[in-house]
Amino acid sequence: MFAAAFGLGVTVKAVEVSDPCGDAGGRGNDIKKITATSDGTDILITVELCANAMDYTKYFIRIDYKDPNDLDNDFEKNEPDTLIDNNQRCLTTSDATKMHGMHRQIDKDSGPGTIDLVGNVLTYAVSYAELGLTSGDDVLFWVETRYIGIHERAPNTDSTDGCSKPEFSDEVILLTLNAKESDCYKDQDANMQLEALIREHPDDMQIHALHALRLGLCLKVDRGDLTIDQANEIFENMRSALIGAIQRDMEKELEEDKKQEKGS
């Protein structure tokens, strides 16, 4: 009677920025596309290159995220801190930089988070906690590469103003950090399945108990009291226990029917 009817997930929002291949030679130092997501706990930035990553190349993820009123946290003092307010003095405004370098086939890394480089795809991951961030915070970032005198970045900066660093909001990527969102209440298949069982068996308190348990677990996941895995484990344990109880009741009724048949 009961099927698995508890599902939780995470809503992930992504931003994408494309950059033309060829503006830096079309090789493994040339940026093709950047995709950024946040899932409630981690920032994930994927950089697709125009060709496989090359030796003697450095790859940089630069992030600006500190409070605009906290003027002394940048690598160089910037007043004000946020790029959107116009970086008129062409300062380095990034608060954190992750670098991945390749030199004679030896990888070198520095900065917060981790970088995984496979073929022409570079994947950078860093937790909110490591940067001291939380859901709802805005993060500004951009990507750079350096290869034997060739500097590439995306998004591109205005080449006519004499500053290679981002000065305005259209020269960076804005990512608003997403909160972990439960899809519990949105799982229509699970909801419909339990509600259909209740309509079919309105007097079955075990089904009502299972439905109430699911709603309560959804609430506790949303509040952060339980993880998704913990909620699933609790639900499945209870579901299995109810199924076992129903099976035992059916077996007991069958045995009683057999005894009555023998006695008649």
C-alpha atoms as a PDB file:
ATOM      1  CA  MET A   1       0.000   0.000   0.000  1.00  0.00           C
ATOM      2  CA  PHE A   2       2.767   2.425   0.899  1.00  0.00           C
ATOM      3  CA  ALA A   3       5.407   3.465  -1.615  1.00  0.00           C
ATOM      4  CA  ALA A   4       8.361   5.703  -0.859  1.00  0.00           C
ATOM      5  CA  ALA A   5       6.818   9.147  -0.662  1.00  0.00           C
ATOM      6  CA  PHE A   6       9.337  11.506   0.809  1.00  0.00           C
ATOM      7  CA  GLY A   7      11.527  13.650  -1.442  1.00  0.00           C
ATOM      8  CA  LEU A   8      13.674  16.635  -0.690  1.00  0.00           C
ATOM      9  CA  GLY A   9      15.948  18.590  -2.990  1.00  0.00           C
ATOM     10  CA  VAL A  10      17.813  21.813  -3.458  1.00  0.00           C
ATOM     11  CA  THR A  11      16.924  24.663  -5.799  1.00  0.00           C
ATOM     12  CA  VAL A  12      20.067  25.846  -7.558  1.00  0.00           C
ATOM     13  CA  LYS A  13      20.283  29.181  -9.382  1.00  0.00           C
ATOM     14  CA  ALA A  14      22.984  29.690 -12.007  1.00  0.00           C
ATOM     15  CA  VAL A  15      24.506  32.630 -13.852  1.00  0.00           C
ATOM     16  CA  GLU A  16      26.378  32.257 -17.130  1.00  0.00           C
ATOM     17  CA  VAL A  17      28.750  34.522 -19.026  1.00  0.00           C
ATOM     18  CA  SER A  18      30.212  33.693 -22.447  1.00  0.00           C
ATOM     19  CA  ASP A  19      33.470  35.022 -23.874  1.00  0.00           C
ATOM     20  CA  PRO A  20      34.527  34.685 -27.531  1.00  0.00           C
ATOM     21  CA  CYS A  21      37.266  32.204 -28.346  1.00  0.00           C
ATOM     22  CA  GLY A  22      40.117  33.883 -30.176  1.00  0.00           C
ATOM     23  CA  ASP A  23      40.515  37.069 -28.167  1.00  0.00           C
ATOM     24  CA  ALA A  24      43.388  35.368 -26.312  1.00  0.00           C
ATOM     25  CA  GLY A  25      44.540  33.013 -29.042  1.00  0.00           C
ATOM     26  CA  GLY A  26      41.865  30.319 -28.853  1.00  0.00           C
ATOM     27  CA  ARG A  27      44.017  27.939 -26.835  1.00  0.00           C
ATOM     28  CA  GLY A  28      43.856  26.583 -23.286  1.00  0.00           C
ATOM     29  CA  ASN A  29      44.379  30.021 -21.795  1.00  0.00           C
ATOM     30  CA  ASP A  30      41.358  31.455 -23.632  1.00  0.00           C
ATOM     31  CA  ILE A  31      38.096  31.562 -21.653  1.00  0.00           C
ATOM     32  CA  LYS A  32      34.935  30.381 -23.433  1.00  0.00           C
ATOM     33  CA  LYS A  33      32.218  30.312 -20.771  1.00  0.00           C
ATOM     34  CA  ILE A  34      31.798  30.790 -17.023  1.00  0.00           C
ATOM     35  CA  THR A  35      28.937  29.236 -15.057  1.00  0.00           C
ATOM     36  CA  ALA A  36      28.362  29.970 -11.379  1.00  0.00           C
ATOM     37  CA  THR A  37      25.923  28.410  -8.940  1.00  0.00           C
ATOM     38  CA  SER A  38      25.301  28.355  -5.201  1.00  0.00           C
ATOM     39  CA  ASP A  39      23.398  25.648  -3.360  1.00  0.00           C
ATOM     40  CA  GLY A  40      22.983  26.986   0.153  1.00  0.00           C
ATOM     41  CA  THR A  41      26.399  25.920   1.433  1.00  0.00           C
ATOM     42  CA  ASP A  42      28.883  26.145  -1.445  1.00  0.00           C
ATOM     43  CA  ILE A  43      29.786  28.339  -4.413  1.00  0.00           C
ATOM     44  CA  LEU A  44      30.618  26.406  -7.582  1.00  0.00           C
ATOM     45  CA  ILE A  45      32.267  28.172 -10.534  1.00  0.00           C
ATOM     46  CA  THR A  46      32.902  26.269 -13.756  1.00  0.00           C
ATOM     47  CA  VAL A  47      35.226  27.749 -16.375  1.00  0.00           C
ATOM     48  CA  GLU A  48      35.157  26.243 -19.865  1.00  0.00           C
ATOM     49  CA  LEU A  49      38.304  26.983 -21.868  1.00  0.00           C
ATOM     50  CA  CYS A  50      38.591  27.090 -25.659  1.00  0.00           C
ATOM     51  CA  ALA A  51      41.004  24.133 -25.576  1.00  0.00           C
ATOM     52  CA  ASN A  52      42.617  21.853 -23.013  1.00  0.00           C
ATOM     53  CA  ALA A  53      44.479  23.629 -20.202  1.00  0.00           C
ATOM     54  CA  MET A  54      48.097  24.406 -21.042  1.00  0.00           C
ATOM     55  CA  ASP A  55      51.414  24.161 -19.277  1.00  0.00           C
ATOM     56  CA  TYR A  56      53.008  27.435 -18.117  1.00  0.00           C
ATOM     57  CA  THR A  57      49.555  28.926 -17.525  1.00  0.00           C
ATOM     58  CA  LYS A  58      48.045  30.401 -14.380  1.00  0.00           C
ATOM     59  CA  TYR A  59      44.289  30.475 -13.791  1.00  0.00           C
ATOM     60  CA  PHE A  60      42.757  32.915 -11.302  1.00  0.00           C
ATOM     61  CA  ILE A  61      39.313  33.155  -9.698  1.00  0.00           C
ATOM     62  CA  ARG A  62      39.038  36.601  -8.106  1.00  0.00           C
ATOM     63  CA  ILE A  63      36.244  37.317  -5.626  1.00  0.00           C
ATOM     64  CA  ASP A  64      35.081  40.622  -4.128  1.00  0.00           C
ATOM     65  CA  TYR A  65      32.673  40.073  -1.251  1.00  0.00           C
ATOM     66  CA  LYS A  66      33.561  42.115   1.833  1.00  0.00           C
ATOM     67  CA  ASP A  67      31.374  44.779   3.410  1.00  0.00           C
ATOM     68  CA  PRO A  68      31.645  48.025   1.410  1.00  0.00           C
ATOM     69  CA  ASN A  69      32.052  49.924   4.693  1.00  0.00           C
ATOM     70  CA  ASP A  70      35.055  47.796   5.660  1.00  0.00           C
ATOM     71  CA  LEU A  71      37.616  49.772   3.699  1.00  0.00           C
ATOM     72  CA  ASP A  72      40.823  48.079   4.826  1.00  0.00           C
ATOM     73  CA  ASN A  73      40.105  44.497   3.807  1.00  0.00           C
ATOM     74  CA  ASP A  74      41.033  44.658   0.148  1.00  0.00           C
ATOM     75  CA  PHE A  75      44.419  43.674  -1.197  1.00  0.00           C
ATOM     76  CA  GLU A  76      44.850  47.360  -1.886  1.00  0.00           C
ATOM     77  CA  LYS A  77      42.734  49.945  -0.100  1.00  0.00           C
ATOM     78  CA  ASN A  78      39.749  50.856  -2.218  1.00  0.00           C
ATOM     79  CA  GLU A  79      37.278  53.561  -1.278  1.00  0.00           C
ATOM     80  CA  PRO A  80      34.549  52.448  -1.464  1.00  0.00           C
ATOM     81  CA  ASP A  81      35.036  48.698  -1.562  1.00  0.00           C
ATOM     82  CA  THR A  82      32.361  47.653  -4.033  1.00  0.00           C
ATOM     83  CA  LEU A  83      33.131  47.714  -7.740  1.00  0.00           C
ATOM     84  CA  ILE A  84      29.614  48.913  -8.540  1.00  0.00           C
ATOM     85  CA  ASP A  85      30.505  52.255  -6.949  1.00  0.00           C
ATOM     86  CA  ASN A  86      33.138  52.766  -9.703  1.00  0.00           C
ATOM     87  CA  ASN A  87      36.748  51.777  -9.087  1.00  0.00           C
ATOM     88  CA  GLN A  88      38.093  55.047 -10.427  1.00  0.00           C
ATOM     89  CA  ARG A  89      41.639  54.494  -9.150  1.00  0.00           C
ATOM     90  CA  CYS A  90      42.075  51.124 -10.929  1.00  0.00           C
ATOM     91  CA  LEU A  91      42.795  49.228  -7.712  1.00  0.00           C
ATOM     92  CA  THR A  92      42.818  45.501  -7.057  1.00  0.00           C
ATOM     93  CA  THR A  93      39.471  45.055  -5.330  1.00  0.00           C
ATOM     94  CA  SER A  94      39.335  41.284  -4.924  1.00  0.00           C
ATOM     95  CA  ASP A  95      39.121  40.107  -1.314  1.00  0.00           C
ATOM     96  CA  ALA A  96      40.134  36.541  -2.155  1.00  0.00           C
ATOM     97  CA  THR A  97      41.952  34.932  -5.054  1.00  0.00           C
ATOM     98  CA  LYS A  98      42.204  31.275  -5.947  1.00  0.00           C
ATOM     99  CA  MET A  99      45.133  30.481  -8.232  1.00  0.00           C
ATOM    100  CA  HIS A 100      45.819  27.268 -10.104  1.00  0.00           C
ATOM    101  CA  GLY A 101      49.111  27.132 -11.984  1.00  0.00           C
ATOM    102  CA  MET A 102      50.660  24.571 -14.319  1.00  0.00           C
ATOM    103  CA  HIS A 103      54.448  24.589 -14.639  1.00  0.00           C
ATOM    104  CA  ARG A 104      56.238  21.704 -16.316  1.00  0.00           C
ATOM    105  CA  GLN A 105      53.136  19.553 -15.772  1.00  0.00           C
ATOM    106  CA  ILE A 106      53.197  20.233 -12.009  1.00  0.00           C
ATOM    107  CA  ASP A 107      50.052  21.765 -10.539  1.00  0.00           C
ATOM    108  CA  LYS A 108      50.261  24.513  -7.934  1.00  0.00           C
ATOM    109  CA  ASP A 109      47.366  26.017  -5.967  1.00  0.00           C
ATOM    110  CA  SER A 110      46.882  28.891  -3.550  1.00  0.00           C
ATOM    111  CA  GLY A 111      43.910  30.620  -1.944  1.00  0.00           C
ATOM    112  CA  PRO A 112      40.615  29.412  -0.455  1.00  0.00           C
ATOM    113  CA  GLY A 113      38.566  26.564  -1.883  1.00  0.00           C
ATOM    114  CA  THR A 114      39.558  23.828  -4.313  1.00  0.00           C
ATOM    115  CA  ILE A 115      40.140  23.696  -8.056  1.00  0.00           C
ATOM    116  CA  ASP A 116      39.708  20.625 -10.224  1.00  0.00           C
ATOM    117  CA  LEU A 117      41.033  20.829 -13.782  1.00  0.00           C
ATOM    118  CA  VAL A 118      40.079  18.157 -16.318  1.00  0.00           C
ATOM    119  CA  GLY A 119      40.675  18.734 -20.020  1.00  0.00           C
ATOM    120  CA  ASN A 120      39.301  22.151 -20.878  1.00  0.00           C
ATOM    121  CA  VAL A 121      37.056  22.514 -17.807  1.00  0.00           C
ATOM    122  CA  LEU A 122      38.182  24.129 -14.578  1.00  0.00           C
ATOM    123  CA  THR A 123      35.850  23.696 -11.587  1.00  0.00           C
ATOM    124  CA  TYR A 124      36.238  25.849  -8.506  1.00  0.00           C
ATOM    125  CA  ALA A 125      34.393  25.152  -5.255  1.00  0.00           C
ATOM    126  CA  VAL A 126      34.437  27.115  -2.016  1.00  0.00           C
ATOM    127  CA  SER A 127      32.082  27.028   0.967  1.00  0.00           C
ATOM    128  CA  TYR A 128      30.146  30.008   2.251  1.00  0.00           C
ATOM    129  CA  ALA A 129      31.734  29.361   5.643  1.00  0.00           C
ATOM    130  CA  GLU A 130      35.309  29.556   4.364  1.00  0.00           C
ATOM    131  CA  LEU A 131      34.648  33.072   3.048  1.00  0.00           C
ATOM    132  CA  GLY A 132      32.506  34.089   6.031  1.00  0.00           C
ATOM    133  CA  LEU A 133      29.406  34.445   3.849  1.00  0.00           C
ATOM    134  CA  THR A 134      25.782  33.472   4.252  1.00  0.00           C
ATOM    135  CA  SER A 135      22.682  33.031   2.112  1.00  0.00           C
ATOM    136  CA  GLY A 136      21.532  36.264   0.506  1.00  0.00           C
ATOM    137  CA  ASP A 137      25.006  37.802   0.312  1.00  0.00           C
ATOM    138  CA  ASP A 138      26.192  39.220  -3.013  1.00  0.00           C
ATOM    139  CA  VAL A 139      29.485  38.050  -4.459  1.00  0.00           C
ATOM    140  CA  LEU A 140      31.288  39.759  -7.339  1.00  0.00           C
ATOM    141  CA  PHE A 141      33.852  37.711  -9.234  1.00  0.00           C
ATOM    142  CA  TRP A 142      35.799  37.419 -12.456  1.00  0.00           C
ATOM    143  CA  VAL A 143      38.245  34.947 -14.025  1.00  0.00           C
ATOM    144  CA  GLU A 144      41.716  35.614 -15.387  1.00  0.00           C
ATOM    145  CA  THR A 145      44.415  33.581 -17.129  1.00  0.00           C
ATOM    146  CA  ARG A 146      48.063  34.378 -17.776  1.00  0.00           C
ATOM    147  CA  TYR A 147      50.213  32.627 -20.336  1.00  0.00           C
ATOM    148  CA  ILE A 148      53.646  33.930 -21.391  1.00  0.00           C
ATOM    149  CA  GLY A 149      52.687  37.568 -21.732  1.00  0.00           C
ATOM    150  CA  ILE A 150      49.048  36.977 -22.724  1.00  0.00           C
ATOM    151  CA  HIS A 151      46.500  38.115 -20.140  1.00  0.00           C
ATOM    152  CA  GLU A 152      42.873  37.020 -20.566  1.00  0.00           C
ATOM    153  CA  ARG A 153      39.892  37.810 -18.379  1.00  0.00           C
ATOM    154  CA  ALA A 154      36.136  37.402 -18.400  1.00  0.00           C
ATOM    155  CA  PRO A 155      34.022  39.402 -18.322  1.00  0.00           C
ATOM    156  CA  ASN A 156      36.164  41.725 -20.428  1.00  0.00           C
ATOM    157  CA  THR A 157      37.050  45.194 -19.213  1.00  0.00           C
ATOM    158  CA  ASP A 158      36.952  48.358 -21.285  1.00  0.00           C
ATOM    159  CA  SER A 159      40.208  48.357 -23.237  1.00  0.00           C
ATOM    160  CA  THR A 160      40.002  52.082 -23.930  1.00  0.00           C
ATOM    161  CA  ASP A 161      40.151  53.414 -20.365  1.00  0.00           C
ATOM    162  CA  GLY A 162      43.694  52.281 -19.564  1.00  0.00           C
ATOM    163  CA  CYS A 163      42.643  50.000 -16.680  1.00  0.00           C
ATOM    164  CA  SER A 164      42.754  46.221 -17.004  1.00  0.00           C
ATOM    165  CA  LYS A 165      40.959  45.739 -13.672  1.00  0.00           C
ATOM    166  CA  PRO A 166      37.183  45.835 -13.229  1.00  0.00           C
ATOM    167  CA  GLU A 167      35.809  49.292 -12.541  1.00  0.00           C
ATOM    168  CA  PHE A 168      32.074  48.935 -13.166  1.00  0.00           C
ATOM    169  CA  SER A 169      29.344  46.383 -12.527  1.00  0.00           C
ATOM    170  CA  ASP A 170      29.273  45.130 -16.134  1.00  0.00           C
ATOM    171  CA  GLU A 171      32.924  44.110 -15.823  1.00  0.00           C
ATOM    172  CA  VAL A 172      32.227  41.537 -13.090  1.00  0.00           C
ATOM    173  CA  ILE A 173      29.780  38.692 -12.498  1.00  0.00           C
ATOM    174  CA  LEU A 174      27.229  39.099  -9.718  1.00  0.00           C
ATOM    175  CA  LEU A 175      26.116  35.991  -7.852  1.00  0.00           C
ATOM    176  CA  THR A 176      23.568  36.252  -5.041  1.00  0.00           C
ATOM    177  CA  LEU A 177      24.143  33.319  -2.723  1.00  0.00           C
ATOM    178  CA  ASN A 178      21.187  31.005  -2.732  1.00  0.00           C
ATOM    179  CA  ALA A 179      19.605  29.521   0.375  1.00  0.00           C
ATOM    180  CA  LYS A 180      19.065  25.808   0.597  1.00  0.00           C
ATOM    181  CA  GLU A 181      15.429  25.380  -0.279  1.00  0.00           C
ATOM    182  CA  SER A 182      13.427  22.292   0.488  1.00  0.00           C
ATOM    183  CA  ASP A 183      11.313  20.926  -2.333  1.00  0.00           C
ATOM    184  CA  CYS A 184       9.377  18.857   0.168  1.00  0.00           C
ATOM    185  CA  TYR A 185       6.096  20.701  -0.203  1.00  0.00           C
ATOM    186  CA  LYS A 186       6.585  20.940  -3.979  1.00  0.00           C
ATOM    187  CA  ASP A 187       6.979  17.194  -4.500  1.00  0.00           C
ATOM    188  CA  GLN A 188       3.614  16.735  -6.153  1.00  0.00           C
ATOM    189  CA  ASP A 189       4.027  12.994  -6.739  1.00  0.00           C
ATOM    190  CA  ALA A 190       4.647  12.336  -3.054  1.00  0.00           C
ATOM    191  CA  ASN A 191       1.887  14.670  -1.934  1.00  0.00           C
ATOM    192  CA  MET A 192      -0.656  13.249  -4.359  1.00  0.00           C
ATOM    193  CA  GLN A 193       0.228   9.692  -3.438  1.00  0.00           C
ATOM    194  CA  LEU A 194      -0.363  10.203   0.263  1.00  0.00           C
ATOM    195  CA  GLU A 195      -3.473  12.310  -0.255  1.00  0.00           C
ATOM    196  CA  ALA A 196      -4.910   9.671  -2.600  1.00  0.00           C
ATOM    197  CA  LEU A 197      -4.306   7.023   0.059  1.00  0.00           C
ATOM    198  CA  ILE A 198      -6.074   9.181   2.650  1.00  0.00           C
ATOM    199  CA  ARG A 199      -9.096   9.621   0.366  1.00  0.00           C
ATOM    200  CA  GLU A 200      -9.178   5.885  -0.273  1.00  0.00           C
ATOM    201  CA  HIS A 201      -8.735   4.975   3.390  1.00  0.00           C
ATOM    202  CA  PRO A 202     -10.021   7.974   5.376  1.00  0.00           C
ATOM    203  CA  ASP A 203     -10.248   5.987   8.631  1.00  0.00           C
ATOM    204  CA  ASP A 204      -6.738   4.532   8.433  1.00  0.00           C
ATOM    205  CA  MET A 205      -4.805   6.294  11.148  1.00  0.00           C
ATOM    206  CA  GLN A 206      -1.530   4.776   9.978  1.00  0.00           C
ATOM    207  CA  ILE A 207      -1.760   6.625   6.661  1.00  0.00           C
ATOM    208  CA  HIS A 208      -2.649   9.830   8.483  1.00  0.00           C
ATOM    209  CA  ALA A 209       0.344   9.286  10.764  1.00  0.00           C
ATOM    210  CA  LEU A 210       2.651   8.834   7.772  1.00  0.00           C
ATOM    211  CA  HIS A 211       1.300  11.979   6.134  1.00  0.00           C
ATOM    212  CA  ALA A 212       1.704  13.971   9.335  1.00  0.00           C
ATOM    213  CA  LEU A 213       5.247  12.645   9.763  1.00  0.00           C
ATOM    214  CA  ARG A 214       6.195  13.802   6.296  1.00  0.00           C
ATOM    215  CA  LEU A 215       4.835  17.297   6.895  1.00  0.00           C
ATOM    216  CA  GLY A 216       6.669  17.519  10.203  1.00  0.00           C
ATOM    217  CA  LEU A 217       9.939  16.334   8.687  1.00  0.00           C
ATOM    218  CA  CYS A 218       9.592  18.906   5.917  1.00  0.00           C
ATOM    219  CA  LEU A 219       9.295  21.622   8.537  1.00  0.00           C
ATOM    220  CA  LYS A 220      12.340  20.393  10.461  1.00  0.00           C
ATOM    221  CA  VAL A 221      14.448  20.240   7.292  1.00  0.00           C
ATOM    222  CA  ASP A 222      13.402  23.785   6.374  1.00  0.00           C
ATOM    223  CA  ARG A 223      14.375  24.993   9.865  1.00  0.00           C
ATOM    224  CA  GLY A 224      17.737  23.241   9.656  1.00  0.00           C
ATOM    225  CA  ASP A 225      16.999  20.819  12.502  1.00  0.00           C
ATOM    226  CA  LEU A 226      17.553  17.813  10.222  1.00  0.00           C
ATOM    227  CA  THR A 227      19.484  17.149   7.053  1.00  0.00           C
ATOM    228  CA  ILE A 228      17.755  15.736   3.993  1.00  0.00           C
ATOM    229  CA  ASP A 229      19.412  12.357   4.540  1.00  0.00           C
ATOM    230  CA  GLN A 230      18.302  12.239   8.184  1.00  0.00           C
ATOM    231  CA  ALA A 231      14.706  13.104   7.252  1.00  0.00           C
ATOM    232  CA  ASN A 232      14.670  10.439   4.555  1.00  0.00           C
ATOM    233  CA  GLU A 233      16.024   7.859   6.992  1.00  0.00           C
ATOM    234  CA  ILE A 234      13.367   8.674   9.621  1.00  0.00           C
ATOM    235  CA  PHE A 235      10.573   8.550   7.053  1.00  0.00           C
ATOM    236  CA  GLU A 236      11.724   5.284   5.506  1.00  0.00           C
ATOM    237  CA  ASN A 237      12.146   3.653   8.931  1.00  0.00           C
ATOM    238  CA  MET A 238       8.604   4.640   9.911  1.00  0.00           C
ATOM    239  CA  ARG A 239       7.200   3.596   6.549  1.00  0.00           C
ATOM    240  CA  SER A 240       8.868   0.187   6.846  1.00  0.00           C
ATOM    241  CA  ALA A 241       7.562  -0.209  10.402  1.00  0.00           C
ATOM    242  CA  LEU A 242       3.996   0.595   9.291  1.00  0.00           C
ATOM    243  CA  ILE A 243       4.227  -1.833   6.383  1.00  0.00           C
ATOM    244  CA  GLY A 244       5.490  -4.511   8.764  1.00  0.00           C
ATOM    245  CA  ALA A 245       2.616  -3.830  11.179  1.00  0.00           C
ATOM    246  CA  ILE A 246       0.055  -4.066   8.370  1.00  0.00           C
ATOM    247  CA  GLN A 247       1.551  -7.333   7.137  1.00  0.00           C
ATOM    248  CA  ARG A 248       1.468  -8.821  10.632  1.00  0.00           C
ATOM    249  CA  ASP A 249      -2.179  -7.759  11.073  1.00  0.00           C
ATOM    250  CA  MET A 250      -3.071  -9.357   7.731  1.00  0.00           C
ATOM    251  CA  GLU A 251      -1.257 -12.569   8.653  1.00  0.00           C
ATOM    252  CA  LYS A 252      -3.026 -12.619  12.016  1.00  0.00           C
ATOM    253  CA  GLU A 253      -6.421 -12.146  10.352  1.00  0.00           C
ATOM    254  CA  LEU A 254      -5.601 -14.924   7.897  1.00  0.00           C
ATOM    255  CA  GLU A 255      -4.691 -17.308  10.712  1.00  0.00           C
ATOM    256  CA  GLU A 256      -7.913 -16.497  12.568  1.00  0.00           C
ATOM    257  CA  ASP A 257      -9.933 -17.114   9.392  1.00  0.00           C
ATOM    258  CA  LYS A 258      -8.244 -20.488   9.001  1.00  0.00           C
ATOM    259  CA  LYS A 259      -9.041 -21.431  12.618  1.00  0.00           C
ATOM    260  CA  GLN A 260     -12.679 -20.462  12.147  1.00  0.00           C
ATOM    261  CA  GLU A 261     -12.886 -22.573   8.998  1.00  0.00           C
ATOM    262  CA  LYS A 262     -11.474 -25.593  10.830  1.00  0.00           C
ATOM    263  CA  GLY A 263     -13.886 -25.135  13.727  1.00  0.00           C
ATOM    264  CA  SER A 264     -16.967 -24.873  11.522  1.00  0.00           C
END
